[in-house]
C-alpha atoms as a PDB file:
ATOM      1  CA  MET A   1       9.204 -10.895  11.797  1.00  0.00           C
ATOM      2  CA  ALA A   2       8.566 -11.287  15.592  1.00  0.00           C
ATOM      3  CA  SER A   3       7.227 -15.045  15.963  1.00  0.00           C
ATOM      4  CA  ILE A   4       4.804 -15.705  18.846  1.00  0.00           C
ATOM      5  CA  PRO A   5       7.114 -18.211  20.609  1.00  0.00           C
ATOM      6  CA  VAL A   6       9.765 -15.428  20.941  1.00  0.00           C
ATOM      7  CA  VAL A   7       7.125 -12.830  21.959  1.00  0.00           C
ATOM      8  CA  ARG A   8       5.891 -15.210  24.468  1.00  0.00           C
ATOM      9  CA  ARG A   9       9.729 -15.913  25.877  1.00  0.00           C
ATOM     10  CA  CYS A  10      10.155 -11.885  26.086  1.00  0.00           C
ATOM     11  CA  LEU A  11       6.879 -11.440  27.830  1.00  0.00           C
ATOM     12  CA  GLN A  12       7.880 -14.182  30.194  1.00  0.00           C
ATOM     13  CA  ALA A  13      11.272 -12.435  30.621  1.00  0.00           C
ATOM     14  CA  LEU A  14       9.804  -9.185  31.470  1.00  0.00           C
ATOM     15  CA  ALA A  15       6.948 -10.943  33.849  1.00  0.00           C
ATOM     16  CA  GLN A  16       9.605 -12.494  35.678  1.00  0.00           C
ATOM     17  CA  ASN A  17      11.976  -9.444  35.745  1.00  0.00           C
ATOM     18  CA  TYR A  18       9.119  -6.954  37.184  1.00  0.00           C
ATOM     19  CA  GLY A  19       6.949  -9.355  39.095  1.00  0.00           C
ATOM     20  CA  LYS A  20       4.113  -9.832  36.655  1.00  0.00           C
ATOM     21  CA  SER A  21       1.970 -13.152  36.627  1.00  0.00           C
ATOM     22  CA  ASP A  22       1.647 -15.745  34.005  1.00  0.00           C
ATOM     23  CA  GLN A  23      -1.973 -14.851  33.463  1.00  0.00           C
ATOM     24  CA  TRP A  24      -0.360 -11.294  32.220  1.00  0.00           C
ATOM     25  CA  VAL A  25       1.757 -13.202  29.779  1.00  0.00           C
ATOM     26  CA  ASP A  26      -1.291 -15.072  28.262  1.00  0.00           C
ATOM     27  CA  SER A  27      -3.396 -11.921  28.361  1.00  0.00           C
ATOM     28  CA  SER A  28      -0.718  -9.794  26.862  1.00  0.00           C
ATOM     29  CA  LEU A  29       0.395 -12.149  24.123  1.00  0.00           C
ATOM     30  CA  LYS A  30      -1.810 -11.240  21.301  1.00  0.00           C
ATOM     31  CA  LEU A  31      -1.578  -7.530  21.447  1.00  0.00           C
ATOM     32  CA  TRP A  32       1.967  -7.504  21.806  1.00  0.00           C
ATOM     33  CA  SER A  33       2.491  -9.992  18.947  1.00  0.00           C
ATOM     34  CA  ARG A  34       0.473  -7.515  16.974  1.00  0.00           C
ATOM     35  CA  GLY A  35       2.302  -4.710  18.174  1.00  0.00           C
ATOM     36  CA  LEU A  36       5.582  -6.355  17.147  1.00  0.00           C
ATOM     37  CA  ALA A  37       4.678  -7.822  13.860  1.00  0.00           C
ATOM     38  CA  SER A  38       7.179  -5.623  12.166  1.00  0.00           C
ATOM     39  CA  VAL A  39      10.196  -6.208  14.583  1.00  0.00           C
ATOM     40  CA  HIS A  40      12.654  -8.870  13.978  1.00  0.00           C
ATOM     41  CA  ASP A  41      13.088 -11.933  16.715  1.00  0.00           C
ATOM     42  CA  LYS A  42      16.621 -10.806  17.368  1.00  0.00           C
ATOM     43  CA  ASP A  43      15.855  -7.225  17.729  1.00  0.00           C
ATOM     44  CA  LEU A  44      13.030  -8.104  20.262  1.00  0.00           C
ATOM     45  CA  ILE A  45      15.235 -10.149  22.268  1.00  0.00           C
ATOM     46  CA  ARG A  46      18.079  -7.677  22.112  1.00  0.00           C
ATOM     47  CA  GLY A  47      15.603  -4.936  23.357  1.00  0.00           C
ATOM     48  CA  VAL A  48      13.903  -6.999  26.072  1.00  0.00           C
ATOM     49  CA  GLU A  49      17.656  -7.699  27.423  1.00  0.00           C
ATOM     50  CA  GLU A  50      18.474  -3.897  27.102  1.00  0.00           C
ATOM     51  CA  TRP A  51      15.332  -2.519  28.892  1.00  0.00           C
ATOM     52  CA  CYS A  52      15.590  -5.300  31.667  1.00  0.00           C
ATOM     53  CA  GLY A  53      19.362  -4.486  32.183  1.00  0.00           C
ATOM     54  CA  LYS A  54      18.694  -0.680  32.435  1.00  0.00           C
ATOM     55  CA  GLU A  55      15.154   0.161  33.621  1.00  0.00           C
ATOM     56  CA  ALA A  56      13.636  -0.324  37.172  1.00  0.00           C
ATOM     57  CA  ARG A  57      10.201   0.001  35.774  1.00  0.00           C
ATOM     58  CA  MET A  58       8.176  -2.305  33.592  1.00  0.00           C
ATOM     59  CA  ALA A  59       8.122  -1.636  29.694  1.00  0.00           C
ATOM     60  CA  ASN A  60       5.040  -0.986  27.722  1.00  0.00           C
ATOM     61  CA  LEU A  61       4.402  -2.032  24.162  1.00  0.00           C
ATOM     62  CA  ALA A  62       5.099   1.457  22.896  1.00  0.00           C
ATOM     63  CA  ARG A  63       8.308   2.140  24.848  1.00  0.00           C
ATOM     64  CA  LEU A  64       9.832  -1.017  24.334  1.00  0.00           C
ATOM     65  CA  LYS A  65       9.175  -0.759  20.634  1.00  0.00           C
ATOM     66  CA  ALA A  66      10.603   2.651  20.452  1.00  0.00           C
ATOM     67  CA  LEU A  67      13.782   1.453  22.241  1.00  0.00           C
ATOM     68  CA  ILE A  68      14.142  -1.359  19.614  1.00  0.00           C
ATOM     69  CA  GLU A  69      13.571   1.026  16.737  1.00  0.00           C
ATOM     70  CA  ALA A  70      15.997   3.628  18.072  1.00  0.00           C
ATOM     71  CA  ASN A  71      18.779   1.022  18.448  1.00  0.00           C
ATOM     72  CA  PRO A  72      21.085   1.660  15.162  1.00  0.00           C
ATOM     73  CA  LEU A  73      21.996  -1.976  14.845  1.00  0.00           C
ATOM     74  CA  ARG A  74      18.606  -3.271  14.440  1.00  0.00           C
ATOM     75  CA  MET A  75      17.692  -5.212  11.244  1.00  0.00           C
ATOM     76  CA  LYS A  76      15.940  -3.159   8.871  1.00  0.00           C
ATOM     77  CA  PRO A  77      12.602  -4.691   7.147  1.00  0.00           C
ATOM     78  CA  ASP A  78      13.200  -6.076   3.665  1.00  0.00           C
ATOM     79  CA  GLU A  79      12.273  -3.416   1.118  1.00  0.00           C
ATOM     80  CA  LEU A  80      10.309  -5.393  -1.783  1.00  0.00           C
ATOM     81  CA  ALA A  81      11.460  -4.206  -5.126  1.00  0.00           C
ATOM     82  CA  GLY A  82       9.281  -2.949  -7.892  1.00  0.00           C
ATOM     83  CA  CYS A  83       9.928  -2.920 -11.479  1.00  0.00           C
ATOM     84  CA  PRO A  84      10.014  -0.574 -14.385  1.00  0.00           C
ATOM     85  CA  ALA A  85       6.219  -1.502 -15.441  1.00  0.00           C
ATOM     86  CA  CYS A  86       4.887  -0.257 -12.275  1.00  0.00           C
ATOM     87  CA  ASN A  87       7.670   2.385 -11.737  1.00  0.00           C
ATOM     88  CA  GLY A  88       8.771   0.741  -8.280  1.00  0.00           C
ATOM     89  CA  THR A  89       4.985   1.126  -6.639  1.00  0.00           C
ATOM     90  CA  GLY A  90       3.844  -2.291  -7.458  1.00  0.00           C
ATOM     91  CA  LEU A  91       0.703  -1.168  -9.263  1.00  0.00           C
ATOM     92  CA  ARG A  92       0.132  -0.958 -12.743  1.00  0.00           C
ATOM     93  CA  GLU A  93      -2.640   1.178 -14.607  1.00  0.00           C
ATOM     94  CA  LEU A  94      -5.249  -0.733 -16.789  1.00  0.00           C
ATOM     95  CA  ALA A  95      -7.999   0.727 -19.058  1.00  0.00           C
ATOM     96  CA  ARG A  96     -10.914  -1.084 -20.330  1.00  0.00           C
ATOM     97  CA  TRP A  97     -13.283   0.126 -23.261  1.00  0.00           C
ATOM     98  CA  HIS A  98     -16.413  -1.953 -23.304  1.00  0.00           C
ATOM     99  CA  GLN A  99     -19.840  -1.757 -24.436  1.00  0.00           C
ATOM    100  CA  LYS A 100     -22.584  -0.592 -21.825  1.00  0.00           C
ATOM    101  CA  ASN A 101     -26.295   0.498 -22.801  1.00  0.00           C
ATOM    102  CA  GLY A 102     -25.370   0.653 -26.643  1.00  0.00           C
ATOM    103  CA  ARG A 103     -22.373   2.957 -26.330  1.00  0.00           C
ATOM    104  CA  VAL A 104     -18.555   2.141 -25.481  1.00  0.00           C
ATOM    105  CA  ARG A 105     -17.386   3.321 -22.225  1.00  0.00           C
ATOM    106  CA  ALA A 106     -13.639   3.471 -20.857  1.00  0.00           C
ATOM    107  CA  ASP A 107     -13.084   2.682 -17.455  1.00  0.00           C
ATOM    108  CA  THR A 108      -9.506   2.644 -15.688  1.00  0.00           C
ATOM    109  CA  PHE A 109      -8.252   0.887 -12.701  1.00  0.00           C
ATOM    110  CA  VAL A 110      -4.979   0.000 -11.212  1.00  0.00           C
ATOM    111  CA  ALA A 111      -3.963  -3.654 -10.251  1.00  0.00           C
ATOM    112  CA  ALA A 112      -1.021  -5.535  -8.661  1.00  0.00           C
ATOM    113  CA  CYS A 113       2.119  -5.989 -10.709  1.00  0.00           C
ATOM    114  CA  ASP A 114       3.858  -9.367 -11.177  1.00  0.00           C
ATOM    115  CA  CYS A 115       7.047  -7.959  -9.344  1.00  0.00           C
ATOM    116  CA  PRO A 116       7.634  -8.853  -5.687  1.00  0.00           C
ATOM    117  CA  LYS A 117       6.211  -5.458  -4.278  1.00  0.00           C
ATOM    118  CA  GLY A 118       3.303  -5.988  -6.702  1.00  0.00           C
ATOM    119  CA  ARG A 119       2.790  -9.532  -5.591  1.00  0.00           C
ATOM    120  CA  SER A 120       2.771  -8.241  -1.782  1.00  0.00           C
ATOM    121  CA  LEU A 121      -0.212  -6.090  -2.737  1.00  0.00           C
ATOM    122  CA  THR A 122      -2.412  -8.825  -4.098  1.00  0.00           C
ATOM    123  CA  SER A 123      -5.468  -9.157  -2.046  1.00  0.00           C
ATOM    124  CA  ALA A 124      -9.136  -9.772  -2.281  1.00  0.00           C
ATOM    125  CA  THR A 125      -9.574  -5.929  -3.576  1.00  0.00           C
ATOM    126  CA  ILE A 126      -6.262  -5.527  -5.170  1.00  0.00           C
ATOM    127  CA  LEU A 127      -6.076  -8.352  -8.215  1.00  0.00           C
ATOM    128  CA  ASN A 128      -3.125  -9.208 -10.294  1.00  0.00           C
ATOM    129  CA  TRP A 129      -3.214  -7.156 -13.428  1.00  0.00           C
ATOM    130  CA  SER A 130      -2.348  -9.979 -15.711  1.00  0.00           C
ATOM    131  CA  GLU A 131      -5.472 -11.920 -14.438  1.00  0.00           C
ATOM    132  CA  VAL A 132      -7.527  -8.855 -14.956  1.00  0.00           C
ATOM    133  CA  VAL A 133      -6.377  -8.399 -18.387  1.00  0.00           C
ATOM    134  CA  ASP A 134      -7.027 -11.947 -19.284  1.00  0.00           C
ATOM    135  CA  ALA A 135     -10.445 -11.725 -17.747  1.00  0.00           C
ATOM    136  CA  TRP A 136     -11.195  -8.569 -19.724  1.00  0.00           C
ATOM    137  CA  ARG A 137      -9.870  -9.974 -22.987  1.00  0.00           C
ATOM    138  CA  ALA A 138     -12.213 -12.986 -22.723  1.00  0.00           C
ATOM    139  CA  ASN A 139     -15.258 -10.856 -22.088  1.00  0.00           C
ATOM    140  CA  PRO A 140     -17.418 -10.395 -25.356  1.00  0.00           C
ATOM    141  CA  TRP A 141     -18.411  -6.869 -24.482  1.00  0.00           C
ATOM    142  CA  THR A 142     -14.643  -5.826 -24.279  1.00  0.00           C
ATOM    143  CA  GLU A 143     -13.578  -3.209 -27.164  1.00  0.00           C
ATOM    144  CA  ALA A 144      -9.940  -2.719 -26.214  1.00  0.00           C
ATOM    145  CA  VAL A 145      -7.811  -3.230 -23.319  1.00  0.00           C
ATOM    146  CA  PHE A 146      -4.720  -1.029 -22.173  1.00  0.00           C
ATOM    147  CA  HIS A 147      -2.041  -1.512 -19.523  1.00  0.00           C
ATOM    148  CA  SER A 148       1.067   0.038 -18.478  1.00  0.00           C
ATOM    149  CA  THR A 149       4.569  -1.301 -19.795  1.00  0.00           C
ATOM    150  CA  PRO A 150       8.221  -1.188 -18.686  1.00  0.00           C
ATOM    151  CA  GLU A 151       8.702   1.439 -21.566  1.00  0.00           C
ATOM    152  CA  ARG A 152       5.383   3.330 -20.596  1.00  0.00           C
ATOM    153  CA  TYR A 153       3.942   3.062 -17.044  1.00  0.00           C
ATOM    154  CA  HIS A 154       1.139   5.660 -17.491  1.00  0.00           C
ATOM    155  CA  LEU A 155      -1.667   5.493 -20.033  1.00  0.00           C
ATOM    156  CA  THR A 156      -2.201   8.242 -22.490  1.00  0.00           C
ATOM    157  CA  THR A 157      -5.174  10.387 -22.481  1.00  0.00           C
ATOM    158  CA  GLN A 158      -6.366   8.721 -25.764  1.00  0.00           C
ATOM    159  CA  GLU A 159      -6.016   5.326 -24.096  1.00  0.00           C
ATOM    160  CA  ARG A 160      -8.233   6.321 -20.910  1.00  0.00           C
ATOM    161  CA  ASN A 161     -10.862   7.875 -22.891  1.00  0.00           C
ATOM    162  CA  THR A 162     -12.786   6.817 -25.873  1.00  0.00           C
ATOM    163  CA  PRO A 163     -13.171   9.086 -28.813  1.00  0.00           C
ATOM    164  CA  GLU A 164     -16.488  10.230 -27.714  1.00  0.00           C
ATOM    165  CA  GLU A 165     -15.300  11.016 -24.463  1.00  0.00           C
ATOM    166  CA  LEU A 166     -12.321  13.187 -25.857  1.00  0.00           C
ATOM    167  CA  ALA A 167     -14.614  14.917 -28.290  1.00  0.00           C
ATOM    168  CA  ALA A 168     -16.960  15.860 -25.367  1.00  0.00           C
ATOM    169  CA  LEU A 169     -13.723  16.975 -23.358  1.00  0.00           C
ATOM    170  CA  GLU A 170     -12.745  19.337 -26.339  1.00  0.00           C
ATOM    171  CA  GLU A 171     -16.041  20.804 -26.552  1.00  0.00           C
ATOM    172  CA  ARG A 172     -16.017  21.445 -22.648  1.00  0.00           C
ATOM    173  CA  VAL A 173     -12.805  23.146 -22.978  1.00  0.00           C
ATOM    174  CA  LYS A 174     -13.683  25.147 -25.862  1.00  0.00           C
ATOM    175  CA  GLU A 175     -17.044  26.342 -24.099  1.00  0.00           C
ATOM    176  CA  ARG A 176     -14.849  27.424 -21.162  1.00  0.00           C
ATOM    177  CA  SER A 177     -12.154  29.277 -23.210  1.00  0.00           C
ATOM    178  CA  LYS A 178     -15.316  31.452 -24.646  1.00  0.00           C
ATOM    179  CA  VAL A 179     -16.133  32.731 -21.129  1.00  0.00           C
ATOM    180  CA  SER A 180     -13.921  35.421 -19.750  1.00  0.00           C
ATOM    181  CA  GLY A 181     -14.488  35.008 -16.012  1.00  0.00           C
ATOM    182  CA  TRP A 182     -11.678  36.843 -14.938  1.00  0.00           C
ATOM    183  CA  SER A 183     -12.243  40.338 -13.377  1.00  0.00           C
ATOM    184  CA  ARG A 184      -9.763  42.455 -11.593  1.00  0.00           C
ATOM    185  CA  VAL A 185     -10.792  42.439  -7.798  1.00  0.00           C
ATOM    186  CA  GLY A 186     -10.856  45.936  -5.893  1.00  0.00           C
ATOM    187  CA  ALA A 187     -10.242  47.755  -9.291  1.00  0.00           C
ATOM    188  CA  LYS A 188     -11.311  51.226  -9.484  1.00  0.00           C
ATOM    189  CA  ARG A 189     -14.106  52.024 -11.722  1.00  0.00           C
END
């Protein structure tokens, strides 16, 4: 995307064309670099040239970026491809059954997929799914591990919940079905 040397050169061109000082270039460089991070170098250069050729007033960051984005010839950001395992989202669904306080618990999570889109999401808080699954399987308290696959990118209710949790859920459904909480509002008696 827009490199710092190109942003600096463009700011210098704007400064020279509109009577700004070199100090303005230095003080504006960080803000403009962040604001133009999603813009390609060629688009930035083209946008500054177009602005300087048409406008009598100095561009601000928002107006210059709007001019660049409105140009039909601008380079589109590369769209990262997902895969069937993550359904194109870059995230995979995981579930882990493990022992805690003498009973089996089920926890569900999402983690970054191995596809290009998933690798772009991997960070300190979003881990790679295969590393998470390997760590879970190595843990002696783990009873079972489930994850989405290319054939099935969502986990089933039976994978997300332990048999005890499913039984409790069914019991709640039965209890709620016994209550007839519906009454006609405004009905004449």
